[in-house]
Amino acid sequence: MGLKNGMQLWVAIIMSALIFGVAHGDPASFPVLFCIGVALALLRLWTGSYWPGFFLHFLNNGLSAVLIILALHGLNG
């Protein structure tokens, strides 16, 4: 929300998504992370709360971790 106060809304969303993508430090995943960053920024604006984005990010990371663990153990079907 701090970015929103200093620039146009669409620029703040793009900047926030760029920061989100870069902060993860995985260039190969950057396009997907950028899209997730945009979605989380929009969710924050639409709901007025950080909590929905927090829980969405938590679920995404949790699901990814479970799928990786299953794949490592050969349980992915």
C-alpha atoms as a PDB file:
ATOM      1  CA  MET A   1       0.000   0.000   0.000  1.00  0.00           C
ATOM      2  CA  GLY A   2       2.989   2.295   0.488  1.00  0.00           C
ATOM      3  CA  LEU A   3       3.749   2.140  -3.224  1.00  0.00           C
ATOM      4  CA  LYS A   4       0.165   3.128  -3.983  1.00  0.00           C
ATOM      5  CA  ASN A   5       0.633   6.368  -2.077  1.00  0.00           C
ATOM      6  CA  GLY A   6       3.595   7.480  -4.194  1.00  0.00           C
ATOM      7  CA  MET A   7       2.569   6.514  -7.729  1.00  0.00           C
ATOM      8  CA  GLN A   8      -0.316   5.601  -9.984  1.00  0.00           C
ATOM      9  CA  LEU A   9      -2.182   2.487  -8.908  1.00  0.00           C
ATOM     10  CA  TRP A  10      -1.271   0.374 -11.948  1.00  0.00           C
ATOM     11  CA  VAL A  11       2.412   1.288 -11.570  1.00  0.00           C
ATOM     12  CA  ALA A  12       2.280   0.329  -7.878  1.00  0.00           C
ATOM     13  CA  ILE A  13       0.758  -3.050  -8.764  1.00  0.00           C
ATOM     14  CA  ILE A  14       3.445  -3.716 -11.388  1.00  0.00           C
ATOM     15  CA  MET A  15       6.245  -2.614  -9.042  1.00  0.00           C
ATOM     16  CA  SER A  16       4.856  -4.748  -6.220  1.00  0.00           C
ATOM     17  CA  ALA A  17       4.632  -7.781  -8.509  1.00  0.00           C
ATOM     18  CA  LEU A  18       8.187  -7.186  -9.769  1.00  0.00           C
ATOM     19  CA  ILE A  19       9.477  -7.011  -6.199  1.00  0.00           C
ATOM     20  CA  PHE A  20       7.541 -10.164  -5.316  1.00  0.00           C
ATOM     21  CA  GLY A  21       9.011 -12.037  -8.272  1.00  0.00           C
ATOM     22  CA  VAL A  22      12.579 -10.874  -7.744  1.00  0.00           C
ATOM     23  CA  ALA A  23      12.447 -11.497  -3.977  1.00  0.00           C
ATOM     24  CA  HIS A  24      11.939 -15.209  -4.607  1.00  0.00           C
ATOM     25  CA  GLY A  25      15.319 -15.370  -6.363  1.00  0.00           C
ATOM     26  CA  ASP A  26      14.290 -17.873  -9.045  1.00  0.00           C
ATOM     27  CA  PRO A  27      14.658 -16.397 -12.552  1.00  0.00           C
ATOM     28  CA  ALA A  28      13.058 -19.447 -14.191  1.00  0.00           C
ATOM     29  CA  SER A  29       9.894 -18.980 -12.131  1.00  0.00           C
ATOM     30  CA  PHE A  30       9.788 -15.200 -12.459  1.00  0.00           C
ATOM     31  CA  PRO A  31       6.903 -15.039 -14.993  1.00  0.00           C
ATOM     32  CA  VAL A  32       4.652 -17.162 -12.771  1.00  0.00           C
ATOM     33  CA  LEU A  33       5.754 -15.314  -9.628  1.00  0.00           C
ATOM     34  CA  PHE A  34       5.068 -11.976 -11.306  1.00  0.00           C
ATOM     35  CA  CYS A  35       1.513 -13.100 -12.141  1.00  0.00           C
ATOM     36  CA  ILE A  36       0.999 -14.314  -8.581  1.00  0.00           C
ATOM     37  CA  GLY A  37       2.300 -10.945  -7.358  1.00  0.00           C
ATOM     38  CA  VAL A  38      -0.249  -9.102  -9.493  1.00  0.00           C
ATOM     39  CA  ALA A  39      -3.036 -11.382  -8.221  1.00  0.00           C
ATOM     40  CA  LEU A  40      -2.004 -10.850  -4.599  1.00  0.00           C
ATOM     41  CA  ALA A  41      -1.832  -7.079  -5.075  1.00  0.00           C
ATOM     42  CA  LEU A  42      -5.310  -7.037  -6.629  1.00  0.00           C
ATOM     43  CA  LEU A  43      -6.642  -9.272  -3.864  1.00  0.00           C
ATOM     44  CA  ARG A  44      -5.260  -6.811  -1.304  1.00  0.00           C
ATOM     45  CA  LEU A  45      -6.981  -3.921  -3.060  1.00  0.00           C
ATOM     46  CA  TRP A  46     -10.312  -5.726  -3.490  1.00  0.00           C
ATOM     47  CA  THR A  47     -10.545  -7.028   0.055  1.00  0.00           C
ATOM     48  CA  GLY A  48      -8.820  -4.213   1.933  1.00  0.00           C
ATOM     49  CA  SER A  49      -6.937  -6.818   3.970  1.00  0.00           C
ATOM     50  CA  TYR A  50      -3.602  -8.601   3.836  1.00  0.00           C
ATOM     51  CA  TRP A  51      -5.086 -11.828   5.236  1.00  0.00           C
ATOM     52  CA  PRO A  52      -6.633 -13.285   2.046  1.00  0.00           C
ATOM     53  CA  GLY A  53      -3.312 -12.868   0.224  1.00  0.00           C
ATOM     54  CA  PHE A  54      -1.433 -14.295   3.181  1.00  0.00           C
ATOM     55  CA  PHE A  55      -3.613 -17.402   3.211  1.00  0.00           C
ATOM     56  CA  LEU A  56      -3.500 -17.765  -0.589  1.00  0.00           C
ATOM     57  CA  HIS A  57       0.303 -17.563  -0.514  1.00  0.00           C
ATOM     58  CA  PHE A  58       0.393 -20.048   2.378  1.00  0.00           C
ATOM     59  CA  LEU A  59      -1.847 -22.510   0.511  1.00  0.00           C
ATOM     60  CA  ASN A  60       0.200 -22.170  -2.680  1.00  0.00           C
ATOM     61  CA  ASN A  61       3.466 -22.822  -0.858  1.00  0.00           C
ATOM     62  CA  GLY A  62       1.953 -25.653   1.170  1.00  0.00           C
ATOM     63  CA  LEU A  63       0.525 -27.382  -1.888  1.00  0.00           C
ATOM     64  CA  SER A  64       3.833 -26.989  -3.725  1.00  0.00           C
ATOM     65  CA  ALA A  65       5.739 -28.483  -0.787  1.00  0.00           C
ATOM     66  CA  VAL A  66       3.364 -31.464  -0.547  1.00  0.00           C
ATOM     67  CA  LEU A  67       3.608 -32.146  -4.289  1.00  0.00           C
ATOM     68  CA  ILE A  68       7.415 -31.973  -4.185  1.00  0.00           C
ATOM     69  CA  ILE A  69       7.545 -34.372  -1.242  1.00  0.00           C
ATOM     70  CA  LEU A  70       5.169 -36.783  -2.981  1.00  0.00           C
ATOM     71  CA  ALA A  71       7.218 -36.621  -6.183  1.00  0.00           C
ATOM     72  CA  LEU A  72      10.448 -37.270  -4.292  1.00  0.00           C
ATOM     73  CA  HIS A  73       8.884 -40.343  -2.727  1.00  0.00           C
ATOM     74  CA  GLY A  74       7.413 -41.565  -6.009  1.00  0.00           C
ATOM     75  CA  LEU A  75       3.833 -41.100  -4.794  1.00  0.00           C
ATOM     76  CA  ASN A  76       2.642 -38.714  -7.488  1.00  0.00           C
ATOM     77  CA  GLY A  77       0.585 -41.246  -9.369  1.00  0.00           C
END
